Amino acid sequence: SVPFDFDKPGASLKVEGTWPIPPLYGPGYSGIWKALYDRFG
C-alpha cells in the first residue's frame, strides 16, 4: 500500500545533520556539497 514510484528513487528522511561538520574557516555546507555535485556532473 506504500505509494512507491520506482521510476523516481527516494530514501528515508528520518535523518539528523550528522554530515558534514563544516570547519570553522570553511568551506561550509554549500561548498562541501557543491564539490560533490560538481565531481559527478
Full PDB file with SEQRES, HELIX, SHEET, SSBOND, CRYST1, ORIGX, SCALE, CONECT and MASTER records, all heavy atoms in Angstrom:
SEQRES   1 A   41  SER VAL PRO PHE ASP PHE ASP LYS PRO GLY ALA SER LEU          
SEQRES   2 A   41  LYS VAL GLU GLY THR TRP PRO ILE PRO PRO LEU TYR GLY          
SEQRES   3 A   41  PRO GLY TYR SER GLY ILE TRP LYS ALA LEU TYR ASP ARG          
SEQRES   4 A   41  PHE GLY                                                      
HELIX    1 AA1 TYR A   29  ARG A   39  1                                  11    
CRYST1    1.000    1.000    1.000  90.00  90.00  90.00 P 1           1          
ORIGX1      1.000000  0.000000  0.000000        0.00000                         
ORIGX2      0.000000  1.000000  0.000000        0.00000                         
ORIGX3      0.000000  0.000000  1.000000        0.00000                         
SCALE1      1.000000  0.000000  0.000000        0.00000                         
SCALE2      0.000000  1.000000  0.000000        0.00000                         
SCALE3      0.000000  0.000000  1.000000        0.00000                         
ATOM      1  N   SER A   1       0.813  -1.219   0.000  1.00  0.00           N  
ATOM      2  CA  SER A   1       0.000   0.000   0.000  1.00  0.00           C  
ATOM      3  C   SER A   1       0.844   1.266   0.000  1.00  0.00           C  
ATOM      4  O   SER A   1       0.321   2.371  -0.151  1.00  0.00           O  
ATOM      5  CB  SER A   1      -0.934   0.016   1.214  1.00  0.00           C  
ATOM      6  OG  SER A   1      -0.191   0.178   2.423  1.00  0.00           O  
ATOM      7  N   VAL A   2       2.158   1.138   0.165  1.00  0.00           N  
ATOM      8  CA  VAL A   2       3.040   2.305   0.143  1.00  0.00           C  
ATOM      9  C   VAL A   2       3.175   2.772  -1.308  1.00  0.00           C  
ATOM     10  O   VAL A   2       3.507   1.979  -2.188  1.00  0.00           O  
ATOM     11  CB  VAL A   2       4.428   1.971   0.723  1.00  0.00           C  
ATOM     12  CG1 VAL A   2       5.322   3.203   0.692  1.00  0.00           C  
ATOM     13  CG2 VAL A   2       4.290   1.440   2.148  1.00  0.00           C  
ATOM     14  N   PRO A   3       2.920   4.051  -1.594  1.00  0.00           N  
ATOM     15  CA  PRO A   3       2.907   4.516  -2.986  1.00  0.00           C  
ATOM     16  C   PRO A   3       4.303   4.784  -3.553  1.00  0.00           C  
ATOM     17  O   PRO A   3       4.643   5.905  -3.937  1.00  0.00           O  
ATOM     18  CB  PRO A   3       2.078   5.797  -2.917  1.00  0.00           C  
ATOM     19  CG  PRO A   3       2.355   6.332  -1.544  1.00  0.00           C  
ATOM     20  CD  PRO A   3       2.491   5.113  -0.654  1.00  0.00           C  
ATOM     21  N   PHE A   4       5.130   3.753  -3.613  1.00  0.00           N  
ATOM     22  CA  PHE A   4       6.452   3.908  -4.209  1.00  0.00           C  
ATOM     23  C   PHE A   4       6.315   4.223  -5.693  1.00  0.00           C  
ATOM     24  O   PHE A   4       5.524   3.602  -6.401  1.00  0.00           O  
ATOM     25  CB  PHE A   4       7.264   2.620  -4.069  1.00  0.00           C  
ATOM     26  CG  PHE A   4       7.623   2.243  -2.663  1.00  0.00           C  
ATOM     27  CD1 PHE A   4       7.082   1.107  -2.082  1.00  0.00           C  
ATOM     28  CD2 PHE A   4       8.504   3.006  -1.931  1.00  0.00           C  
ATOM     29  CE1 PHE A   4       7.421   0.745  -0.785  1.00  0.00           C  
ATOM     30  CE2 PHE A   4       8.839   2.660  -0.630  1.00  0.00           C  
ATOM     31  CZ  PHE A   4       8.296   1.515  -0.059  1.00  0.00           C  
ATOM     32  N   ASP A   5       7.093   5.185  -6.160  1.00  0.00           N  
ATOM     33  CA  ASP A   5       7.240   5.422  -7.592  1.00  0.00           C  
ATOM     34  C   ASP A   5       8.652   4.968  -7.935  1.00  0.00           C  
ATOM     35  O   ASP A   5       9.620   5.707  -7.737  1.00  0.00           O  
ATOM     36  CB  ASP A   5       7.045   6.895  -7.925  1.00  0.00           C  
ATOM     37  CG  ASP A   5       7.189   7.195  -9.419  1.00  0.00           C  
ATOM     38  OD1 ASP A   5       7.584   6.273 -10.165  1.00  0.00           O  
ATOM     39  OD2 ASP A   5       6.929   8.331  -9.824  1.00  0.00           O  
ATOM     40  N   PHE A   6       8.772   3.758  -8.436  1.00  0.00           N  
ATOM     41  CA  PHE A   6      10.092   3.175  -8.614  1.00  0.00           C  
ATOM     42  C   PHE A   6      10.887   3.826  -9.738  1.00  0.00           C  
ATOM     43  O   PHE A   6      12.089   3.585  -9.874  1.00  0.00           O  
ATOM     44  CB  PHE A   6       9.972   1.656  -8.825  1.00  0.00           C  
ATOM     45  CG  PHE A   6       9.583   0.926  -7.574  1.00  0.00           C  
ATOM     46  CD1 PHE A   6       8.269   0.545  -7.352  1.00  0.00           C  
ATOM     47  CD2 PHE A   6      10.522   0.648  -6.598  1.00  0.00           C  
ATOM     48  CE1 PHE A   6       7.909  -0.111  -6.188  1.00  0.00           C  
ATOM     49  CE2 PHE A   6      10.175  -0.003  -5.428  1.00  0.00           C  
ATOM     50  CZ  PHE A   6       8.859  -0.395  -5.223  1.00  0.00           C  
ATOM     51  N   ASP A   7      10.239   4.669 -10.544  1.00  0.00           N  
ATOM     52  CA  ASP A   7      10.980   5.413 -11.561  1.00  0.00           C  
ATOM     53  C   ASP A   7      11.723   6.605 -10.967  1.00  0.00           C  
ATOM     54  O   ASP A   7      12.623   7.159 -11.601  1.00  0.00           O  
ATOM     55  CB  ASP A   7      10.024   5.920 -12.657  1.00  0.00           C  
ATOM     56  CG  ASP A   7       9.507   4.782 -13.522  1.00  0.00           C  
ATOM     57  OD1 ASP A   7      10.257   3.817 -13.748  1.00  0.00           O  
ATOM     58  OD2 ASP A   7       8.345   4.853 -13.966  1.00  0.00           O  
ATOM     59  N   LYS A   8      11.323   7.017  -9.762  1.00  0.00           N  
ATOM     60  CA  LYS A   8      11.946   8.163  -9.104  1.00  0.00           C  
ATOM     61  C   LYS A   8      12.428   7.722  -7.731  1.00  0.00           C  
ATOM     62  O   LYS A   8      11.653   7.658  -6.789  1.00  0.00           O  
ATOM     63  CB  LYS A   8      10.950   9.325  -8.981  1.00  0.00           C  
ATOM     64  CG  LYS A   8      10.505   9.889 -10.327  1.00  0.00           C  
ATOM     65  CD  LYS A   8       9.534  11.036 -10.134  1.00  0.00           C  
ATOM     66  CE  LYS A   8       9.102  11.625 -11.478  1.00  0.00           C  
ATOM     67  NZ  LYS A   8       8.139  12.737 -11.305  1.00  0.00           N  
ATOM     68  N   PRO A   9      13.707   7.431  -7.604  1.00  0.00           N  
ATOM     69  CA  PRO A   9      14.194   6.860  -6.349  1.00  0.00           C  
ATOM     70  C   PRO A   9      14.106   7.823  -5.181  1.00  0.00           C  
ATOM     71  O   PRO A   9      14.137   9.044  -5.341  1.00  0.00           O  
ATOM     72  CB  PRO A   9      15.654   6.518  -6.669  1.00  0.00           C  
ATOM     73  CG  PRO A   9      16.031   7.466  -7.765  1.00  0.00           C  
ATOM     74  CD  PRO A   9      14.787   7.631  -8.586  1.00  0.00           C  
ATOM     75  N   GLY A  10      13.982   7.244  -3.997  1.00  0.00           N  
ATOM     76  CA  GLY A  10      13.954   8.024  -2.766  1.00  0.00           C  
ATOM     77  C   GLY A  10      14.546   7.209  -1.640  1.00  0.00           C  
ATOM     78  O   GLY A  10      14.938   6.050  -1.817  1.00  0.00           O  
ATOM     79  N   ALA A  11      14.605   7.808  -0.469  1.00  0.00           N  
ATOM     80  CA  ALA A  11      15.185   7.143   0.693  1.00  0.00           C  
ATOM     81  C   ALA A  11      14.602   7.765   1.956  1.00  0.00           C  
ATOM     82  O   ALA A  11      13.795   8.696   1.903  1.00  0.00           O  
ATOM     83  CB  ALA A  11      16.710   7.261   0.673  1.00  0.00           C  
ATOM     84  N   SER A  12      15.027   7.242   3.088  1.00  0.00           N  
ATOM     85  CA  SER A  12      14.477   7.660   4.370  1.00  0.00           C  
ATOM     86  C   SER A  12      14.861   9.099   4.706  1.00  0.00           C  
ATOM     87  O   SER A  12      16.030   9.487   4.629  1.00  0.00           O  
ATOM     88  CB  SER A  12      14.986   6.732   5.473  1.00  0.00           C  
ATOM     89  OG  SER A  12      14.585   7.208   6.742  1.00  0.00           O  
ATOM     90  N   LEU A  13      13.853   9.873   5.101  1.00  0.00           N  
ATOM     91  CA  LEU A  13      14.075  11.246   5.560  1.00  0.00           C  
ATOM     92  C   LEU A  13      14.179  11.331   7.087  1.00  0.00           C  
ATOM     93  O   LEU A  13      14.220  12.418   7.644  1.00  0.00           O  
ATOM     94  CB  LEU A  13      12.955  12.153   5.058  1.00  0.00           C  
ATOM     95  CG  LEU A  13      12.967  12.395   3.545  1.00  0.00           C  
ATOM     96  CD1 LEU A  13      11.673  13.069   3.098  1.00  0.00           C  
ATOM     97  CD2 LEU A  13      14.166  13.229   3.144  1.00  0.00           C  
ATOM     98  N   LYS A  14      14.214  10.163   7.731  1.00  0.00           N  
ATOM     99  CA  LYS A  14      14.410  10.145   9.178  1.00  0.00           C  
ATOM    100  C   LYS A  14      15.910  10.278   9.440  1.00  0.00           C  
ATOM    101  O   LYS A  14      16.634   9.302   9.646  1.00  0.00           O  
ATOM    102  CB  LYS A  14      13.869   8.843   9.779  1.00  0.00           C  
ATOM    103  CG  LYS A  14      13.873   8.821  11.291  1.00  0.00           C  
ATOM    104  CD  LYS A  14      13.266   7.536  11.828  1.00  0.00           C  
ATOM    105  CE  LYS A  14      13.263   7.538  13.356  1.00  0.00           C  
ATOM    106  NZ  LYS A  14      12.711   6.265  13.895  1.00  0.00           N  
ATOM    107  N   VAL A  15      16.367  11.510   9.383  1.00  0.00           N  
ATOM    108  CA  VAL A  15      17.805  11.757   9.395  1.00  0.00           C  
ATOM    109  C   VAL A  15      18.117  12.995  10.222  1.00  0.00           C  
ATOM    110  O   VAL A  15      17.277  13.884  10.369  1.00  0.00           O  
ATOM    111  CB  VAL A  15      18.312  11.918   7.929  1.00  0.00           C  
ATOM    112  CG1 VAL A  15      17.739  13.164   7.295  1.00  0.00           C  
ATOM    113  CG2 VAL A  15      19.823  11.929   7.849  1.00  0.00           C  
ATOM    114  N   GLU A  16      19.315  13.023  10.778  1.00  0.00           N  
ATOM    115  CA  GLU A  16      19.803  14.182  11.513  1.00  0.00           C  
ATOM    116  C   GLU A  16      21.004  14.755  10.768  1.00  0.00           C  
ATOM    117  O   GLU A  16      21.524  14.144   9.837  1.00  0.00           O  
ATOM    118  CB  GLU A  16      20.188  13.772  12.937  1.00  0.00           C  
ATOM    119  CG  GLU A  16      19.011  13.228  13.752  1.00  0.00           C  
ATOM    120  CD  GLU A  16      19.440  12.750  15.119  1.00  0.00           C  
ATOM    121  OE1 GLU A  16      20.658  12.753  15.406  1.00  0.00           O  
ATOM    122  OE2 GLU A  16      18.559  12.362  15.906  1.00  0.00           O  
ATOM    123  N   GLY A  17      21.431  15.927  11.166  1.00  0.00           N  
ATOM    124  CA  GLY A  17      22.533  16.595  10.480  1.00  0.00           C  
ATOM    125  C   GLY A  17      23.883  16.048  10.873  1.00  0.00           C  
ATOM    126  O   GLY A  17      24.745  16.771  11.378  1.00  0.00           O  
ATOM    127  N   THR A  18      24.080  14.756  10.600  1.00  0.00           N  
ATOM    128  CA  THR A  18      25.305  14.087  11.038  1.00  0.00           C  
ATOM    129  C   THR A  18      26.502  14.398  10.152  1.00  0.00           C  
ATOM    130  O   THR A  18      27.658  14.246  10.585  1.00  0.00           O  
ATOM    131  CB  THR A  18      25.085  12.565  11.053  1.00  0.00           C  
ATOM    132  OG1 THR A  18      24.485  12.159   9.810  1.00  0.00           O  
ATOM    133  CG2 THR A  18      24.148  12.168  12.188  1.00  0.00           C  
ATOM    134  N   TRP A  19      26.248  14.783   8.899  1.00  0.00           N  
ATOM    135  CA  TRP A  19      27.344  15.031   7.956  1.00  0.00           C  
ATOM    136  C   TRP A  19      26.892  16.068   6.950  1.00  0.00           C  
ATOM    137  O   TRP A  19      25.735  16.043   6.522  1.00  0.00           O  
ATOM    138  CB  TRP A  19      27.728  13.731   7.228  1.00  0.00           C  
ATOM    139  CG  TRP A  19      29.041  13.834   6.501  1.00  0.00           C  
ATOM    140  CD1 TRP A  19      30.262  13.479   6.976  1.00  0.00           C  
ATOM    141  CD2 TRP A  19      29.271  14.367   5.181  1.00  0.00           C  
ATOM    142  NE1 TRP A  19      31.242  13.750   6.039  1.00  0.00           N  
ATOM    143  CE2 TRP A  19      30.645  14.299   4.922  1.00  0.00           C  
ATOM    144  CE3 TRP A  19      28.439  14.905   4.194  1.00  0.00           C  
ATOM    145  CZ2 TRP A  19      31.215  14.725   3.733  1.00  0.00           C  
ATOM    146  CZ3 TRP A  19      28.999  15.346   3.014  1.00  0.00           C  
ATOM    147  CH2 TRP A  19      30.374  15.243   2.787  1.00  0.00           C  
ATOM    148  N   PRO A  20      27.772  16.988   6.543  1.00  0.00           N  
ATOM    149  CA  PRO A  20      29.132  17.216   7.034  1.00  0.00           C  
ATOM    150  C   PRO A  20      29.128  18.045   8.314  1.00  0.00           C  
ATOM    151  O   PRO A  20      28.087  18.564   8.730  1.00  0.00           O  
ATOM    152  CB  PRO A  20      29.771  17.998   5.891  1.00  0.00           C  
ATOM    153  CG  PRO A  20      28.626  18.807   5.319  1.00  0.00           C  
ATOM    154  CD  PRO A  20      27.435  17.906   5.422  1.00  0.00           C  
ATOM    155  N   ILE A  21      30.295  18.189   8.904  1.00  0.00           N  
ATOM    156  CA  ILE A  21      30.514  19.112  10.019  1.00  0.00           C  
ATOM    157  C   ILE A  21      31.476  20.178   9.499  1.00  0.00           C  
ATOM    158  O   ILE A  21      32.706  19.988   9.505  1.00  0.00           O  
ATOM    159  CB  ILE A  21      31.098  18.398  11.251  1.00  0.00           C  
ATOM    160  CG1 ILE A  21      30.215  17.223  11.659  1.00  0.00           C  
ATOM    161  CG2 ILE A  21      31.247  19.399  12.404  1.00  0.00           C  
ATOM    162  CD1 ILE A  21      28.807  17.620  12.091  1.00  0.00           C  
ATOM    163  N   PRO A  22      30.964  21.293   8.991  1.00  0.00           N  
ATOM    164  CA  PRO A  22      31.843  22.288   8.354  1.00  0.00           C  
ATOM    165  C   PRO A  22      32.878  22.837   9.338  1.00  0.00           C  
ATOM    166  O   PRO A  22      32.553  23.142  10.487  1.00  0.00           O  
ATOM    167  CB  PRO A  22      30.868  23.383   7.904  1.00  0.00           C  
ATOM    168  CG  PRO A  22      29.543  22.689   7.777  1.00  0.00           C  
ATOM    169  CD  PRO A  22      29.547  21.667   8.878  1.00  0.00           C  
ATOM    170  N   PRO A  23      34.127  22.954   8.902  1.00  0.00           N  
ATOM    171  CA  PRO A  23      35.161  23.524   9.772  1.00  0.00           C  
ATOM    172  C   PRO A  23      34.936  25.022   9.969  1.00  0.00           C  
ATOM    173  O   PRO A  23      34.251  25.676   9.185  1.00  0.00           O  
ATOM    174  CB  PRO A  23      36.457  23.254   9.005  1.00  0.00           C  
ATOM    175  CG  PRO A  23      36.037  23.153   7.578  1.00  0.00           C  
ATOM    176  CD  PRO A  23      34.662  22.553   7.589  1.00  0.00           C  
ATOM    177  N   LEU A  24      35.543  25.547  11.034  1.00  0.00           N  
ATOM    178  CA  LEU A  24      35.330  26.940  11.428  1.00  0.00           C  
ATOM    179  C   LEU A  24      35.623  27.919  10.291  1.00  0.00           C  
ATOM    180  O   LEU A  24      34.891  28.885  10.085  1.00  0.00           O  
ATOM    181  CB  LEU A  24      36.207  27.266  12.641  1.00  0.00           C  
ATOM    182  CG  LEU A  24      36.105  28.680  13.203  1.00  0.00           C  
ATOM    183  CD1 LEU A  24      34.681  28.970  13.677  1.00  0.00           C  
ATOM    184  CD2 LEU A  24      37.099  28.854  14.352  1.00  0.00           C  
ATOM    185  N   TYR A  25      36.674  27.673   9.525  1.00  0.00           N  
ATOM    186  CA  TYR A  25      37.090  28.618   8.484  1.00  0.00           C  
ATOM    187  C   TYR A  25      36.679  28.170   7.077  1.00  0.00           C  
ATOM    188  O   TYR A  25      37.229  28.656   6.084  1.00  0.00           O  
ATOM    189  CB  TYR A  25      38.601  28.837   8.569  1.00  0.00           C  
ATOM    190  CG  TYR A  25      39.017  29.442   9.888  1.00  0.00           C  
ATOM    191  CD1 TYR A  25      39.690  28.691  10.846  1.00  0.00           C  
ATOM    192  CD2 TYR A  25      38.696  30.768  10.203  1.00  0.00           C  
ATOM    193  CE1 TYR A  25      40.050  29.236  12.068  1.00  0.00           C  
ATOM    194  CE2 TYR A  25      39.050  31.324  11.420  1.00  0.00           C  
ATOM    195  CZ  TYR A  25      39.723  30.561  12.355  1.00  0.00           C  
ATOM    196  OH  TYR A  25      40.071  31.104  13.565  1.00  0.00           O  
ATOM    197  N   GLY A  26      35.698  27.257   7.006  1.00  0.00           N  
ATOM    198  CA  GLY A  26      35.166  26.830   5.719  1.00  0.00           C  
ATOM    199  C   GLY A  26      35.979  25.710   5.087  1.00  0.00           C  
ATOM    200  O   GLY A  26      37.050  25.355   5.574  1.00  0.00           O  
ATOM    201  N   PRO A  27      35.410  25.141   4.020  1.00  0.00           N  
ATOM    202  CA  PRO A  27      34.143  25.509   3.383  1.00  0.00           C  
ATOM    203  C   PRO A  27      32.926  25.124   4.216  1.00  0.00           C  
ATOM    204  O   PRO A  27      33.019  24.273   5.097  1.00  0.00           O  
ATOM    205  CB  PRO A  27      34.184  24.722   2.067  1.00  0.00           C  
ATOM    206  CG  PRO A  27      35.002  23.510   2.396  1.00  0.00           C  
ATOM    207  CD  PRO A  27      36.051  23.985   3.349  1.00  0.00           C  
ATOM    208  N   GLY A  28      31.786  25.776   3.906  1.00  0.00           N  
ATOM    209  CA  GLY A  28      30.556  25.479   4.595  1.00  0.00           C  
ATOM    210  C   GLY A  28      29.801  24.346   3.916  1.00  0.00           C  
ATOM    211  O   GLY A  28      30.319  23.649   3.046  1.00  0.00           O  
ATOM    212  N   TYR A  29      28.539  24.190   4.323  1.00  0.00           N  
ATOM    213  CA  TYR A  29      27.705  23.137   3.731  1.00  0.00           C  
ATOM    214  C   TYR A  29      27.653  23.258   2.210  1.00  0.00           C  
ATOM    215  O   TYR A  29      27.799  22.270   1.485  1.00  0.00           O  
ATOM    216  CB  TYR A  29      26.283  23.218   4.292  1.00  0.00           C  
ATOM    217  CG  TYR A  29      26.125  22.712   5.692  1.00  0.00           C  
ATOM    218  CD1 TYR A  29      26.111  23.592   6.772  1.00  0.00           C  
ATOM    219  CD2 TYR A  29      25.965  21.358   5.948  1.00  0.00           C  
ATOM    220  CE1 TYR A  29      25.950  23.136   8.069  1.00  0.00           C  
ATOM    221  CE2 TYR A  29      25.805  20.891   7.243  1.00  0.00           C  
ATOM    222  CZ  TYR A  29      25.792  21.777   8.303  1.00  0.00           C  
ATOM    223  OH  TYR A  29      25.635  21.312   9.590  1.00  0.00           O  
ATOM    224  N   SER A  30      27.420  24.478   1.725  1.00  0.00           N  
ATOM    225  CA  SER A  30      27.286  24.660   0.277  1.00  0.00           C  
ATOM    226  C   SER A  30      28.569  24.281  -0.453  1.00  0.00           C  
ATOM    227  O   SER A  30      28.537  23.598  -1.481  1.00  0.00           O  
ATOM    228  CB  SER A  30      26.912  26.108  -0.049  1.00  0.00           C  
ATOM    229  OG  SER A  30      25.580  26.395   0.324  1.00  0.00           O  
ATOM    230  N   GLY A  31      29.707  24.710   0.074  1.00  0.00           N  
ATOM    231  CA  GLY A  31      30.966  24.413  -0.578  1.00  0.00           C  
ATOM    232  C   GLY A  31      31.277  22.927  -0.616  1.00  0.00           C  
ATOM    233  O   GLY A  31      31.785  22.404  -1.615  1.00  0.00           O  
ATOM    234  N   ILE A  32      30.972  22.260   0.481  1.00  0.00           N  
ATOM    235  CA  ILE A  32      31.247  20.821   0.565  1.00  0.00           C  
ATOM    236  C   ILE A  32      30.328  20.042  -0.375  1.00  0.00           C  
ATOM    237  O   ILE A  32      30.783  19.223  -1.186  1.00  0.00           O  
ATOM    238  CB  ILE A  32      31.096  20.334   2.019  1.00  0.00           C  
ATOM    239  CG1 ILE A  32      32.212  20.929   2.881  1.00  0.00           C  
ATOM    240  CG2 ILE A  32      31.098  18.811   2.090  1.00  0.00           C  
ATOM    241  CD1 ILE A  32      32.009  20.752   4.375  1.00  0.00           C  
ATOM    242  N   TRP A  33      29.022  20.287  -0.283  1.00  0.00           N  
ATOM    243  CA  TRP A  33      28.091  19.538  -1.122  1.00  0.00           C  
ATOM    244  C   TRP A  33      28.265  19.878  -2.600  1.00  0.00           C  
ATOM    245  O   TRP A  33      28.217  18.993  -3.461  1.00  0.00           O  
ATOM    246  CB  TRP A  33      26.652  19.798  -0.682  1.00  0.00           C  
ATOM    247  CG  TRP A  33      26.206  18.969   0.485  1.00  0.00           C  
ATOM    248  CD1 TRP A  33      25.856  19.416   1.728  1.00  0.00           C  
ATOM    249  CD2 TRP A  33      26.071  17.540   0.529  1.00  0.00           C  
ATOM    250  NE1 TRP A  33      25.507  18.367   2.543  1.00  0.00           N  
ATOM    251  CE2 TRP A  33      25.627  17.204   1.826  1.00  0.00           C  
ATOM    252  CE3 TRP A  33      26.278  16.527  -0.387  1.00  0.00           C  
ATOM    253  CZ2 TRP A  33      25.394  15.883   2.216  1.00  0.00           C  
ATOM    254  CZ3 TRP A  33      26.040  15.206   0.000  1.00  0.00           C  
ATOM    255  CH2 TRP A  33      25.601  14.895   1.284  1.00  0.00           C  
ATOM    256  N   LYS A  34      28.495  21.144  -2.922  1.00  0.00           N  
ATOM    257  CA  LYS A  34      28.640  21.520  -4.330  1.00  0.00           C  
ATOM    258  C   LYS A  34      29.858  20.834  -4.958  1.00  0.00           C  
ATOM    259  O   LYS A  34      29.834  20.455  -6.145  1.00  0.00           O  
ATOM    260  CB  LYS A  34      28.757  23.030  -4.489  1.00  0.00           C  
ATOM    261  CG  LYS A  34      28.705  23.492  -5.955  1.00  0.00           C  
ATOM    262  CD  LYS A  34      28.719  25.001  -6.074  1.00  0.00           C  
ATOM    263  CE  LYS A  34      28.531  25.437  -7.521  1.00  0.00           C  
ATOM    264  NZ  LYS A  34      29.514  24.863  -8.452  1.00  0.00           N  
ATOM    265  N   ALA A  35      30.908  20.644  -4.176  1.00  0.00           N  
ATOM    266  CA  ALA A  35      32.085  19.957  -4.701  1.00  0.00           C  
ATOM    267  C   ALA A  35      31.744  18.534  -5.136  1.00  0.00           C  
ATOM    268  O   ALA A  35      32.268  18.037  -6.142  1.00  0.00           O  
ATOM    269  CB  ALA A  35      33.184  19.927  -3.640  1.00  0.00           C  
ATOM    270  N   LEU A  36      30.838  17.900  -4.395  1.00  0.00           N  
ATOM    271  CA  LEU A  36      30.438  16.541  -4.751  1.00  0.00           C  
ATOM    272  C   LEU A  36      29.539  16.528  -5.981  1.00  0.00           C  
ATOM    273  O   LEU A  36      29.707  15.683  -6.873  1.00  0.00           O  
ATOM    274  CB  LEU A  36      29.730  15.882  -3.565  1.00  0.00           C  
ATOM    275  CG  LEU A  36      30.638  15.559  -2.376  1.00  0.00           C  
ATOM    276  CD1 LEU A  36      29.813  15.191  -1.157  1.00  0.00           C  
ATOM    277  CD2 LEU A  36      31.601  14.422  -2.734  1.00  0.00           C  
ATOM    278  N   TYR A  37      28.595  17.438  -6.045  1.00  0.00           N  
ATOM    279  CA  TYR A  37      27.734  17.515  -7.233  1.00  0.00           C  
ATOM    280  C   TYR A  37      28.565  17.823  -8.475  1.00  0.00           C  
ATOM    281  O   TYR A  37      28.346  17.248  -9.546  1.00  0.00           O  
ATOM    282  CB  TYR A  37      26.640  18.565  -7.029  1.00  0.00           C  
ATOM    283  CG  TYR A  37      25.503  18.066  -6.156  1.00  0.00           C  
ATOM    284  CD1 TYR A  37      25.635  18.037  -4.772  1.00  0.00           C  
ATOM    285  CD2 TYR A  37      24.317  17.629  -6.716  1.00  0.00           C  
ATOM    286  CE1 TYR A  37      24.613  17.569  -3.968  1.00  0.00           C  
ATOM    287  CE2 TYR A  37      23.281  17.160  -5.918  1.00  0.00           C  
ATOM    288  CZ  TYR A  37      23.432  17.131  -4.540  1.00  0.00           C  
ATOM    289  OH  TYR A  37      22.421  16.655  -3.728  1.00  0.00           O  
ATOM    290  N   ASP A  38      29.515  18.722  -8.342  1.00  0.00           N  
ATOM    291  CA  ASP A  38      30.389  19.045  -9.470  1.00  0.00           C  
ATOM    292  C   ASP A  38      31.228  17.838  -9.882  1.00  0.00           C  
ATOM    293  O   ASP A  38      31.463  17.621 -11.086  1.00  0.00           O  
ATOM    294  CB  ASP A  38      31.310  20.215  -9.110  1.00  0.00           C  
ATOM    295  CG  ASP A  38      30.571  21.541  -9.004  1.00  0.00           C  
ATOM    296  OD1 ASP A  38      29.404  21.605  -9.424  1.00  0.00           O  
ATOM    297  OD2 ASP A  38      31.178  22.494  -8.477  1.00  0.00           O  
ATOM    298  N   ARG A  39      31.679  17.071  -8.923  1.00  0.00           N  
ATOM    299  CA  ARG A  39      32.502  15.892  -9.223  1.00  0.00           C  
ATOM    300  C   ARG A  39      31.792  14.959 -10.201  1.00  0.00           C  
ATOM    301  O   ARG A  39      32.406  14.376 -11.103  1.00  0.00           O  
ATOM    302  CB  ARG A  39      32.832  15.159  -7.911  1.00  0.00           C  
ATOM    303  CG  ARG A  39      33.262  13.694  -8.034  1.00  0.00           C  
ATOM    304  CD  ARG A  39      34.630  13.515  -8.673  1.00  0.00           C  
ATOM    305  NE  ARG A  39      35.694  14.167  -7.928  1.00  0.00           N  
ATOM    306  CZ  ARG A  39      36.375  13.595  -6.933  1.00  0.00           C  
ATOM    307  NH1 ARG A  39      36.112  12.354  -6.579  1.00  0.00           N  
ATOM    308  NH2 ARG A  39      37.337  14.261  -6.323  1.00  0.00           N  
ATOM    309  N   PHE A  40      30.472  14.815 -10.024  1.00  0.00           N  
ATOM    310  CA  PHE A  40      29.730  13.844 -10.828  1.00  0.00           C  
ATOM    311  C   PHE A  40      28.852  14.499 -11.894  1.00  0.00           C  
ATOM    312  O   PHE A  40      27.984  13.843 -12.471  1.00  0.00           O  
ATOM    313  CB  PHE A  40      28.894  12.951  -9.898  1.00  0.00           C  
ATOM    314  CG  PHE A  40      29.737  12.237  -8.875  1.00  0.00           C  
ATOM    315  CD1 PHE A  40      29.645  12.563  -7.523  1.00  0.00           C  
ATOM    316  CD2 PHE A  40      30.650  11.278  -9.270  1.00  0.00           C  
ATOM    317  CE1 PHE A  40      30.434  11.918  -6.587  1.00  0.00           C  
ATOM    318  CE2 PHE A  40      31.453  10.630  -8.337  1.00  0.00           C  
ATOM    319  CZ  PHE A  40      31.343  10.951  -6.990  1.00  0.00           C  
ATOM    320  N   GLY A  41      29.094  15.784 -12.163  1.00  0.00           N  
ATOM    321  CA  GLY A  41      28.367  16.459 -13.233  1.00  0.00           C  
ATOM    322  C   GLY A  41      26.887  16.628 -12.950  1.00  0.00           C  
ATOM    323  O   GLY A  41      26.062  16.597 -13.875  1.00  0.00           O  
TER     324      GLY A  41                                                      
MASTER        0    0    0    1    0    0    0    6  323    1    0    4          
END                                                                             
